[in-house]
Amino acid sequence: RLSCATSGFTFERYGFGWFRQAPGKGREGVACINRDGDEIN
């Protein structure tokens, strides 16, 4: 389980994404969640 701890902004107003990058490859979008938590892709 990865955690992303945040500070310095109004958390509830932001959407978030997780990305990954393997050696020699481009950055891939893995998952995202919107600010309300009711849309996840």
ModelCIF file with pLDDT and N, C-alpha, C, O atoms, coordinates in Angstrom:
data_MODEL
#
_entry.id   MODEL 
#
_entity.id                         1 
_entity.type                       polymer 
_entity.pdbx_number_of_molecules   1 
#
_entity_poly.entity_id                      1 
_entity_poly.type                           'polypeptide(L)' 
_entity_poly.nstd_linkage                   no 
_entity_poly.nstd_monomer                   no 
_entity_poly.pdbx_seq_one_letter_code       RLSCATSGFTFERYGFGWFRQAPGKGREGVACINRDGDEIN 
_entity_poly.pdbx_seq_one_letter_code_can   RLSCATSGFTFERYGFGWFRQAPGKGREGVACINRDGDEIN 
_entity_poly.pdbx_strand_id                 A 
#
loop_
_entity_poly_seq.entity_id 
_entity_poly_seq.num 
_entity_poly_seq.mon_id 
_entity_poly_seq.hetero 
1 1  ARG n 
1 2  LEU n 
1 3  SER n 
1 4  CYS n 
1 5  ALA n 
1 6  THR n 
1 7  SER n 
1 8  GLY n 
1 9  PHE n 
1 10 THR n 
1 11 PHE n 
1 12 GLU n 
1 13 ARG n 
1 14 TYR n 
1 15 GLY n 
1 16 PHE n 
1 17 GLY n 
1 18 TRP n 
1 19 PHE n 
1 20 ARG n 
1 21 GLN n 
1 22 ALA n 
1 23 PRO n 
1 24 GLY n 
1 25 LYS n 
1 26 GLY n 
1 27 ARG n 
1 28 GLU n 
1 29 GLY n 
1 30 VAL n 
1 31 ALA n 
1 32 CYS n 
1 33 ILE n 
1 34 ASN n 
1 35 ARG n 
1 36 ASP n 
1 37 GLY n 
1 38 ASP n 
1 39 GLU n 
1 40 ILE n 
1 41 ASN n 
#
_struct_asym.id          A 
_struct_asym.entity_id   1 
#
loop_
_ma_qa_metric.id 
_ma_qa_metric.mode 
_ma_qa_metric.name 
_ma_qa_metric.software_group_id 
_ma_qa_metric.type 
1 global pLDDT . pLDDT 
2 local  pLDDT . pLDDT 
#
_ma_qa_metric_global.metric_id      1 
_ma_qa_metric_global.metric_value   96.80 
_ma_qa_metric_global.model_id       1 
_ma_qa_metric_global.ordinal_id     1 
#
loop_
_ma_qa_metric_local.label_asym_id 
_ma_qa_metric_local.label_comp_id 
_ma_qa_metric_local.label_seq_id 
_ma_qa_metric_local.metric_id 
_ma_qa_metric_local.metric_value 
_ma_qa_metric_local.model_id 
_ma_qa_metric_local.ordinal_id 
A ARG 1  2 98.00 1 1  
A LEU 2  2 98.00 1 2  
A SER 3  2 98.00 1 3  
A CYS 4  2 98.00 1 4  
A ALA 5  2 98.00 1 5  
A THR 6  2 98.00 1 6  
A SER 7  2 96.00 1 7  
A GLY 8  2 95.00 1 8  
A PHE 9  2 94.00 1 9  
A THR 10 2 96.00 1 10 
A PHE 11 2 97.00 1 11 
A GLU 12 2 97.00 1 12 
A ARG 13 2 97.00 1 13 
A TYR 14 2 97.00 1 14 
A GLY 15 2 97.00 1 15 
A PHE 16 2 98.00 1 16 
A GLY 17 2 98.00 1 17 
A TRP 18 2 98.00 1 18 
A PHE 19 2 98.00 1 19 
A ARG 20 2 98.00 1 20 
A GLN 21 2 98.00 1 21 
A ALA 22 2 96.00 1 22 
A PRO 23 2 91.00 1 23 
A GLY 24 2 94.00 1 24 
A LYS 25 2 96.00 1 25 
A GLY 26 2 95.00 1 26 
A ARG 27 2 96.00 1 27 
A GLU 28 2 97.00 1 28 
A GLY 29 2 98.00 1 29 
A VAL 30 2 98.00 1 30 
A ALA 31 2 98.00 1 31 
A CYS 32 2 98.00 1 32 
A ILE 33 2 98.00 1 33 
A ASN 34 2 97.00 1 34 
A ARG 35 2 97.00 1 35 
A ASP 36 2 96.00 1 36 
A GLY 37 2 95.00 1 37 
A ASP 38 2 95.00 1 38 
A GLU 39 2 96.00 1 39 
A ILE 40 2 98.00 1 40 
A ASN 41 2 98.00 1 41 
#
loop_
_atom_site.group_PDB 
_atom_site.id 
_atom_site.type_symbol 
_atom_site.label_atom_id 
_atom_site.label_alt_id 
_atom_site.label_comp_id 
_atom_site.label_asym_id 
_atom_site.label_entity_id 
_atom_site.label_seq_id 
_atom_site.pdbx_PDB_ins_code 
_atom_site.Cartn_x 
_atom_site.Cartn_y 
_atom_site.Cartn_z 
_atom_site.occupancy 
_atom_site.B_iso_or_equiv 
_atom_site.pdbx_formal_charge 
_atom_site.auth_seq_id 
_atom_site.auth_comp_id 
_atom_site.auth_asym_id 
_atom_site.auth_atom_id 
_atom_site.pdbx_PDB_model_num 
ATOM 1   N N  . ARG A 1 1  ? 0.841   -1.180 0.000   1.00 98.00 ? 1  ARG A N  1 
ATOM 2   C CA . ARG A 1 1  ? 0.000   0.000  0.000   1.00 98.00 ? 1  ARG A CA 1 
ATOM 3   C C  . ARG A 1 1  ? 0.883   1.239  0.000   1.00 98.00 ? 1  ARG A C  1 
ATOM 4   O O  . ARG A 1 1  ? 1.674   1.454  0.918   1.00 98.00 ? 1  ARG A O  1 
ATOM 5   N N  . LEU A 1 2  ? 0.738   2.036  -1.024  1.00 98.00 ? 2  LEU A N  1 
ATOM 6   C CA . LEU A 1 2  ? 1.434   3.317  -1.097  1.00 98.00 ? 2  LEU A CA 1 
ATOM 7   C C  . LEU A 1 2  ? 0.578   4.399  -0.454  1.00 98.00 ? 2  LEU A C  1 
ATOM 8   O O  . LEU A 1 2  ? -0.648  4.398  -0.572  1.00 98.00 ? 2  LEU A O  1 
ATOM 9   N N  . SER A 1 3  ? 1.243   5.311  0.222   1.00 98.00 ? 3  SER A N  1 
ATOM 10  C CA . SER A 1 3  ? 0.584   6.478  0.787   1.00 98.00 ? 3  SER A CA 1 
ATOM 11  C C  . SER A 1 3  ? 1.191   7.736  0.194   1.00 98.00 ? 3  SER A C  1 
ATOM 12  O O  . SER A 1 3  ? 2.380   7.781  -0.121  1.00 98.00 ? 3  SER A O  1 
ATOM 13  N N  . CYS A 1 4  ? 0.364   8.745  0.047   1.00 98.00 ? 4  CYS A N  1 
ATOM 14  C CA . CYS A 1 4  ? 0.816   10.057 -0.414  1.00 98.00 ? 4  CYS A CA 1 
ATOM 15  C C  . CYS A 1 4  ? 0.339   11.076 0.617   1.00 98.00 ? 4  CYS A C  1 
ATOM 16  O O  . CYS A 1 4  ? -0.818  11.496 0.601   1.00 98.00 ? 4  CYS A O  1 
ATOM 17  N N  . ALA A 1 5  ? 1.232   11.461 1.500   1.00 98.00 ? 5  ALA A N  1 
ATOM 18  C CA . ALA A 1 5  ? 0.912   12.454 2.515   1.00 98.00 ? 5  ALA A CA 1 
ATOM 19  C C  . ALA A 1 5  ? 1.072   13.845 1.926   1.00 98.00 ? 5  ALA A C  1 
ATOM 20  O O  . ALA A 1 5  ? 2.042   14.126 1.223   1.00 98.00 ? 5  ALA A O  1 
ATOM 21  N N  . THR A 1 6  ? 0.107   14.713 2.221   1.00 98.00 ? 6  THR A N  1 
ATOM 22  C CA . THR A 1 6  ? 0.127   16.038 1.606   1.00 98.00 ? 6  THR A CA 1 
ATOM 23  C C  . THR A 1 6  ? 0.108   17.140 2.656   1.00 98.00 ? 6  THR A C  1 
ATOM 24  O O  . THR A 1 6  ? -0.293  16.924 3.799   1.00 98.00 ? 6  THR A O  1 
ATOM 25  N N  . SER A 1 7  ? 0.549   18.323 2.246   1.00 96.00 ? 7  SER A N  1 
ATOM 26  C CA . SER A 1 7  ? 0.492   19.492 3.116   1.00 96.00 ? 7  SER A CA 1 
ATOM 27  C C  . SER A 1 7  ? 0.598   20.738 2.263   1.00 96.00 ? 7  SER A C  1 
ATOM 28  O O  . SER A 1 7  ? 1.061   20.699 1.123   1.00 96.00 ? 7  SER A O  1 
ATOM 29  N N  . GLY A 1 8  ? 0.151   21.859 2.849   1.00 95.00 ? 8  GLY A N  1 
ATOM 30  C CA . GLY A 1 8  ? 0.332   23.140 2.188   1.00 95.00 ? 8  GLY A CA 1 
ATOM 31  C C  . GLY A 1 8  ? -0.771  23.565 1.249   1.00 95.00 ? 8  GLY A C  1 
ATOM 32  O O  . GLY A 1 8  ? -0.611  24.556 0.536   1.00 95.00 ? 8  GLY A O  1 
ATOM 33  N N  . PHE A 1 9  ? -1.891  22.852 1.220   1.00 94.00 ? 9  PHE A N  1 
ATOM 34  C CA . PHE A 1 9  ? -2.991  23.254 0.348   1.00 94.00 ? 9  PHE A CA 1 
ATOM 35  C C  . PHE A 1 9  ? -4.295  22.665 0.874   1.00 94.00 ? 9  PHE A C  1 
ATOM 36  O O  . PHE A 1 9  ? -4.293  21.830 1.778   1.00 94.00 ? 9  PHE A O  1 
ATOM 37  N N  . THR A 1 10 ? -5.412  23.113 0.295   1.00 96.00 ? 10 THR A N  1 
ATOM 38  C CA . THR A 1 10 ? -6.733  22.639 0.712   1.00 96.00 ? 10 THR A CA 1 
ATOM 39  C C  . THR A 1 10 ? -7.022  21.324 0.029   1.00 96.00 ? 10 THR A C  1 
ATOM 40  O O  . THR A 1 10 ? -7.462  21.280 -1.120  1.00 96.00 ? 10 THR A O  1 
ATOM 41  N N  . PHE A 1 11 ? -6.770  20.268 0.746   1.00 97.00 ? 11 PHE A N  1 
ATOM 42  C CA . PHE A 1 11 ? -6.801  18.905 0.197   1.00 97.00 ? 11 PHE A CA 1 
ATOM 43  C C  . PHE A 1 11 ? -8.110  18.616 -0.537  1.00 97.00 ? 11 PHE A C  1 
ATOM 44  O O  . PHE A 1 11 ? -8.101  18.011 -1.609  1.00 97.00 ? 11 PHE A O  1 
ATOM 45  N N  . GLU A 1 12 ? -9.222  19.043 0.034   1.00 97.00 ? 12 GLU A N  1 
ATOM 46  C CA . GLU A 1 12 ? -10.542 18.691 -0.501  1.00 97.00 ? 12 GLU A CA 1 
ATOM 47  C C  . GLU A 1 12 ? -10.809 19.300 -1.875  1.00 97.00 ? 12 GLU A C  1 
ATOM 48  O O  . GLU A 1 12 ? -11.736 18.875 -2.564  1.00 97.00 ? 12 GLU A O  1 
ATOM 49  N N  . ARG A 1 13 ? -10.028 20.268 -2.275  1.00 97.00 ? 13 ARG A N  1 
ATOM 50  C CA . ARG A 1 13 ? -10.244 20.918 -3.561  1.00 97.00 ? 13 ARG A CA 1 
ATOM 51  C C  . ARG A 1 13 ? -9.415  20.308 -4.684  1.00 97.00 ? 13 ARG A C  1 
ATOM 52  O O  . ARG A 1 13 ? -9.453  20.785 -5.818  1.00 97.00 ? 13 ARG A O  1 
ATOM 53  N N  . TYR A 1 14 ? -8.667  19.252 -4.368  1.00 97.00 ? 14 TYR A N  1 
ATOM 54  C CA . TYR A 1 14 ? -7.756  18.679 -5.349  1.00 97.00 ? 14 TYR A CA 1 
ATOM 55  C C  . TYR A 1 14 ? -8.134  17.247 -5.710  1.00 97.00 ? 14 TYR A C  1 
ATOM 56  O O  . TYR A 1 14 ? -8.584  16.460 -4.877  1.00 97.00 ? 14 TYR A O  1 
ATOM 57  N N  . GLY A 1 15 ? -7.930  16.948 -6.988  1.00 97.00 ? 15 GLY A N  1 
ATOM 58  C CA . GLY A 1 15 ? -7.958  15.569 -7.434  1.00 97.00 ? 15 GLY A CA 1 
ATOM 59  C C  . GLY A 1 15 ? -6.538  15.029 -7.472  1.00 97.00 ? 15 GLY A C  1 
ATOM 60  O O  . GLY A 1 15 ? -5.575  15.794 -7.522  1.00 97.00 ? 15 GLY A O  1 
ATOM 61  N N  . PHE A 1 16 ? -6.412  13.710 -7.448  1.00 98.00 ? 16 PHE A N  1 
ATOM 62  C CA . PHE A 1 16 ? -5.095  13.088 -7.348  1.00 98.00 ? 16 PHE A CA 1 
ATOM 63  C C  . PHE A 1 16 ? -4.947  11.940 -8.333  1.00 98.00 ? 16 PHE A C  1 
ATOM 64  O O  . PHE A 1 16 ? -5.906  11.259 -8.697  1.00 98.00 ? 16 PHE A O  1 
ATOM 65  N N  . GLY A 1 17 ? -3.711  11.762 -8.742  1.00 98.00 ? 17 GLY A N  1 
ATOM 66  C CA . GLY A 1 17 ? -3.397  10.645 -9.613  1.00 98.00 ? 17 GLY A CA 1 
ATOM 67  C C  . GLY A 1 17 ? -2.163  9.913  -9.116  1.00 98.00 ? 17 GLY A C  1 
ATOM 68  O O  . GLY A 1 17 ? -1.296  10.497 -8.465  1.00 98.00 ? 17 GLY A O  1 
ATOM 69  N N  . TRP A 1 18 ? -2.096  8.636  -9.430  1.00 98.00 ? 18 TRP A N  1 
ATOM 70  C CA . TRP A 1 18 ? -0.881  7.841  -9.236  1.00 98.00 ? 18 TRP A CA 1 
ATOM 71  C C  . TRP A 1 18 ? -0.336  7.492  -10.623 1.00 98.00 ? 18 TRP A C  1 
ATOM 72  O O  . TRP A 1 18 ? -1.069  7.084  -11.524 1.00 98.00 ? 18 TRP A O  1 
ATOM 73  N N  . PHE A 1 19 ? 0.971   7.670  -10.751 1.00 98.00 ? 19 PHE A N  1 
ATOM 74  C CA . PHE A 1 19 ? 1.668   7.355  -11.987 1.00 98.00 ? 19 PHE A CA 1 
ATOM 75  C C  . PHE A 1 19 ? 2.839   6.433  -11.668 1.00 98.00 ? 19 PHE A C  1 
ATOM 76  O O  . PHE A 1 19 ? 3.250   6.306  -10.514 1.00 98.00 ? 19 PHE A O  1 
ATOM 77  N N  . ARG A 1 20 ? 3.360   5.805  -12.686 1.00 98.00 ? 20 ARG A N  1 
ATOM 78  C CA . ARG A 1 20 ? 4.549   4.994  -12.485 1.00 98.00 ? 20 ARG A CA 1 
ATOM 79  C C  . ARG A 1 20 ? 5.451   5.088  -13.702 1.00 98.00 ? 20 ARG A C  1 
ATOM 80  O O  . ARG A 1 20 ? 5.000   5.339  -14.820 1.00 98.00 ? 20 ARG A O  1 
ATOM 81  N N  . GLN A 1 21 ? 6.740   4.880  -13.454 1.00 98.00 ? 21 GLN A N  1 
ATOM 82  C CA . GLN A 1 21 ? 7.708   4.905  -14.541 1.00 98.00 ? 21 GLN A CA 1 
ATOM 83  C C  . GLN A 1 21 ? 8.722   3.799  -14.313 1.00 98.00 ? 21 GLN A C  1 
ATOM 84  O O  . GLN A 1 21 ? 9.459   3.801  -13.327 1.00 98.00 ? 21 GLN A O  1 
ATOM 85  N N  . ALA A 1 22 ? 8.745   2.863  -15.233 1.00 96.00 ? 22 ALA A N  1 
ATOM 86  C CA . ALA A 1 22 ? 9.709   1.768  -15.197 1.00 96.00 ? 22 ALA A CA 1 
ATOM 87  C C  . ALA A 1 22 ? 10.979  2.202  -15.930 1.00 96.00 ? 22 ALA A C  1 
ATOM 88  O O  . ALA A 1 22 ? 10.929  3.098  -16.773 1.00 96.00 ? 22 ALA A O  1 
ATOM 89  N N  . PRO A 1 23 ? 12.098  1.584  -15.621 1.00 91.00 ? 23 PRO A N  1 
ATOM 90  C CA . PRO A 1 23 ? 13.360  1.953  -16.292 1.00 91.00 ? 23 PRO A CA 1 
ATOM 91  C C  . PRO A 1 23 ? 13.231  1.856  -17.802 1.00 91.00 ? 23 PRO A C  1 
ATOM 92  O O  . PRO A 1 23 ? 12.783  0.841  -18.334 1.00 91.00 ? 23 PRO A O  1 
ATOM 93  N N  . GLY A 1 24 ? 13.629  2.927  -18.492 1.00 94.00 ? 24 GLY A N  1 
ATOM 94  C CA . GLY A 1 24 ? 13.610  2.922  -19.949 1.00 94.00 ? 24 GLY A CA 1 
ATOM 95  C C  . GLY A 1 24 ? 12.242  3.119  -20.573 1.00 94.00 ? 24 GLY A C  1 
ATOM 96  O O  . GLY A 1 24 ? 12.093  3.009  -21.790 1.00 94.00 ? 24 GLY A O  1 
ATOM 97  N N  . LYS A 1 25 ? 11.236  3.411  -19.750 1.00 96.00 ? 25 LYS A N  1 
ATOM 98  C CA . LYS A 1 25 ? 9.880   3.582  -20.276 1.00 96.00 ? 25 LYS A CA 1 
ATOM 99  C C  . LYS A 1 25 ? 9.330   4.947  -19.899 1.00 96.00 ? 25 LYS A C  1 
ATOM 100 O O  . LYS A 1 25 ? 9.871   5.628  -19.029 1.00 96.00 ? 25 LYS A O  1 
ATOM 101 N N  . GLY A 1 26 ? 8.252   5.337  -20.560 1.00 95.00 ? 26 GLY A N  1 
ATOM 102 C CA . GLY A 1 26 ? 7.603   6.598  -20.238 1.00 95.00 ? 26 GLY A CA 1 
ATOM 103 C C  . GLY A 1 26 ? 6.757   6.481  -18.987 1.00 95.00 ? 26 GLY A C  1 
ATOM 104 O O  . GLY A 1 26 ? 6.539   5.388  -18.464 1.00 95.00 ? 26 GLY A O  1 
ATOM 105 N N  . ARG A 1 27 ? 6.284   7.625  -18.514 1.00 96.00 ? 27 ARG A N  1 
ATOM 106 C CA . ARG A 1 27 ? 5.454   7.647  -17.315 1.00 96.00 ? 27 ARG A CA 1 
ATOM 107 C C  . ARG A 1 27 ? 4.029   7.242  -17.679 1.00 96.00 ? 27 ARG A C  1 
ATOM 108 O O  . ARG A 1 27 ? 3.445   7.754  -18.634 1.00 96.00 ? 27 ARG A O  1 
ATOM 109 N N  . GLU A 1 28 ? 3.491   6.324  -16.907 1.00 97.00 ? 28 GLU A N  1 
ATOM 110 C CA . GLU A 1 28 ? 2.157   5.765  -17.159 1.00 97.00 ? 28 GLU A CA 1 
ATOM 111 C C  . GLU A 1 28 ? 1.191   6.178  -16.059 1.00 97.00 ? 28 GLU A C  1 
ATOM 112 O O  . GLU A 1 28 ? 1.517   6.072  -14.876 1.00 97.00 ? 28 GLU A O  1 
ATOM 113 N N  . GLY A 1 29 ? 0.027   6.640  -16.430 1.00 98.00 ? 29 GLY A N  1 
ATOM 114 C CA . GLY A 1 29 ? -1.012  6.933  -15.457 1.00 98.00 ? 29 GLY A CA 1 
ATOM 115 C C  . GLY A 1 29 ? -1.663  5.649  -14.980 1.00 98.00 ? 29 GLY A C  1 
ATOM 116 O O  . GLY A 1 29 ? -2.119  4.847  -15.795 1.00 98.00 ? 29 GLY A O  1 
ATOM 117 N N  . VAL A 1 30 ? -1.714  5.445  -13.689 1.00 98.00 ? 30 VAL A N  1 
ATOM 118 C CA . VAL A 1 30 ? -2.186  4.185  -13.113 1.00 98.00 ? 30 VAL A CA 1 
ATOM 119 C C  . VAL A 1 30 ? -3.610  4.304  -12.593 1.00 98.00 ? 30 VAL A C  1 
ATOM 120 O O  . VAL A 1 30 ? -4.459  3.465  -12.896 1.00 98.00 ? 30 VAL A O  1 
ATOM 121 N N  . ALA A 1 31 ? -3.873  5.347  -11.810 1.00 98.00 ? 31 ALA A N  1 
ATOM 122 C CA . ALA A 1 31 ? -5.187  5.506  -11.188 1.00 98.00 ? 31 ALA A CA 1 
ATOM 123 C C  . ALA A 1 31 ? -5.378  6.961  -10.814 1.00 98.00 ? 31 ALA A C  1 
ATOM 124 O O  . ALA A 1 31 ? -4.411  7.689  -10.590 1.00 98.00 ? 31 ALA A O  1 
ATOM 125 N N  . CYS A 1 32 ? -6.637  7.383  -10.748 1.00 98.00 ? 32 CYS A N  1 
ATOM 126 C CA . CYS A 1 32 ? -6.918  8.740  -10.294 1.00 98.00 ? 32 CYS A CA 1 
ATOM 127 C C  . CYS A 1 32 ? -8.233  8.760  -9.534  1.00 98.00 ? 32 CYS A C  1 
ATOM 128 O O  . CYS A 1 32 ? -9.080  7.878  -9.676  1.00 98.00 ? 32 CYS A O  1 
ATOM 129 N N  . ILE A 1 33 ? -8.371  9.811  -8.712  1.00 98.00 ? 33 ILE A N  1 
ATOM 130 C CA . ILE A 1 33 ? -9.583  10.016 -7.943  1.00 98.00 ? 33 ILE A CA 1 
ATOM 131 C C  . ILE A 1 33 ? -9.883  11.511 -7.950  1.00 98.00 ? 33 ILE A C  1 
ATOM 132 O O  . ILE A 1 33 ? -8.982  12.332 -7.782  1.00 98.00 ? 33 ILE A O  1 
ATOM 133 N N  . ASN A 1 34 ? -11.149 11.857 -8.145  1.00 97.00 ? 34 ASN A N  1 
ATOM 134 C CA . ASN A 1 34 ? -11.468 13.284 -8.233  1.00 97.00 ? 34 ASN A CA 1 
ATOM 135 C C  . ASN A 1 34 ? -11.601 13.897 -6.846  1.00 97.00 ? 34 ASN A C  1 
ATOM 136 O O  . ASN A 1 34 ? -11.471 13.199 -5.841  1.00 97.00 ? 34 ASN A O  1 
ATOM 137 N N  . ARG A 1 35 ? -11.860 15.196 -6.788  1.00 97.00 ? 35 ARG A N  1 
ATOM 138 C CA . ARG A 1 35 ? -11.841 15.903 -5.508  1.00 97.00 ? 35 ARG A CA 1 
ATOM 139 C C  . ARG A 1 35 ? -12.942 15.430 -4.574  1.00 97.00 ? 35 ARG A C  1 
ATOM 140 O O  . ARG A 1 35 ? -12.777 15.466 -3.355  1.00 97.00 ? 35 ARG A O  1 
ATOM 141 N N  . ASP A 1 36 ? -14.068 14.985 -5.134  1.00 96.00 ? 36 ASP A N  1 
ATOM 142 C CA . ASP A 1 36 ? -15.183 14.527 -4.304  1.00 96.00 ? 36 ASP A CA 1 
ATOM 143 C C  . ASP A 1 36 ? -15.089 13.047 -3.957  1.00 96.00 ? 36 ASP A C  1 
ATOM 144 O O  . ASP A 1 36 ? -15.853 12.544 -3.133  1.00 96.00 ? 36 ASP A O  1 
ATOM 145 N N  . GLY A 1 37 ? -14.158 12.362 -4.583  1.00 95.00 ? 37 GLY A N  1 
ATOM 146 C CA . GLY A 1 37 ? -13.995 10.936 -4.315  1.00 95.00 ? 37 GLY A CA 1 
ATOM 147 C C  . GLY A 1 37 ? -15.039 10.066 -4.973  1.00 95.00 ? 37 GLY A C  1 
ATOM 148 O O  . GLY A 1 37 ? -15.113 8.874  -4.678  1.00 95.00 ? 37 GLY A O  1 
ATOM 149 N N  . ASP A 1 38 ? -15.861 10.631 -5.868  1.00 95.00 ? 38 ASP A N  1 
ATOM 150 C CA . ASP A 1 38 ? -16.921 9.843  -6.487  1.00 95.00 ? 38 ASP A CA 1 
ATOM 151 C C  . ASP A 1 38 ? -16.646 9.487  -7.941  1.00 95.00 ? 38 ASP A C  1 
ATOM 152 O O  . ASP A 1 38 ? -17.490 8.886  -8.606  1.00 95.00 ? 38 ASP A O  1 
ATOM 153 N N  . GLU A 1 39 ? -15.486 9.849  -8.429  1.00 96.00 ? 39 GLU A N  1 
ATOM 154 C CA . GLU A 1 39 ? -15.058 9.337  -9.729  1.00 96.00 ? 39 GLU A CA 1 
ATOM 155 C C  . GLU A 1 39 ? -13.647 8.800  -9.598  1.00 96.00 ? 39 GLU A C  1 
ATOM 156 O O  . GLU A 1 39 ? -12.741 9.495  -9.139  1.00 96.00 ? 39 GLU A O  1 
ATOM 157 N N  . ILE A 1 40 ? -13.477 7.566  -10.003 1.00 98.00 ? 40 ILE A N  1 
ATOM 158 C CA . ILE A 1 40 ? -12.198 6.869  -9.926  1.00 98.00 ? 40 ILE A CA 1 
ATOM 159 C C  . ILE A 1 40 ? -11.969 6.161  -11.246 1.00 98.00 ? 40 ILE A C  1 
ATOM 160 O O  . ILE A 1 40 ? -12.875 5.522  -11.781 1.00 98.00 ? 40 ILE A O  1 
ATOM 161 N N  . ASN A 1 41 ? -10.773 6.273  -11.766 1.00 98.00 ? 41 ASN A N  1 
ATOM 162 C CA . ASN A 1 41 ? -10.438 5.638  -13.033 1.00 98.00 ? 41 ASN A CA 1 
ATOM 163 C C  . ASN A 1 41 ? -9.096  4.922  -12.928 1.00 98.00 ? 41 ASN A C  1 
ATOM 164 O O  . ASN A 1 41 ? -8.639  4.322  -13.901 1.00 98.00 ? 41 ASN A O  1 
#
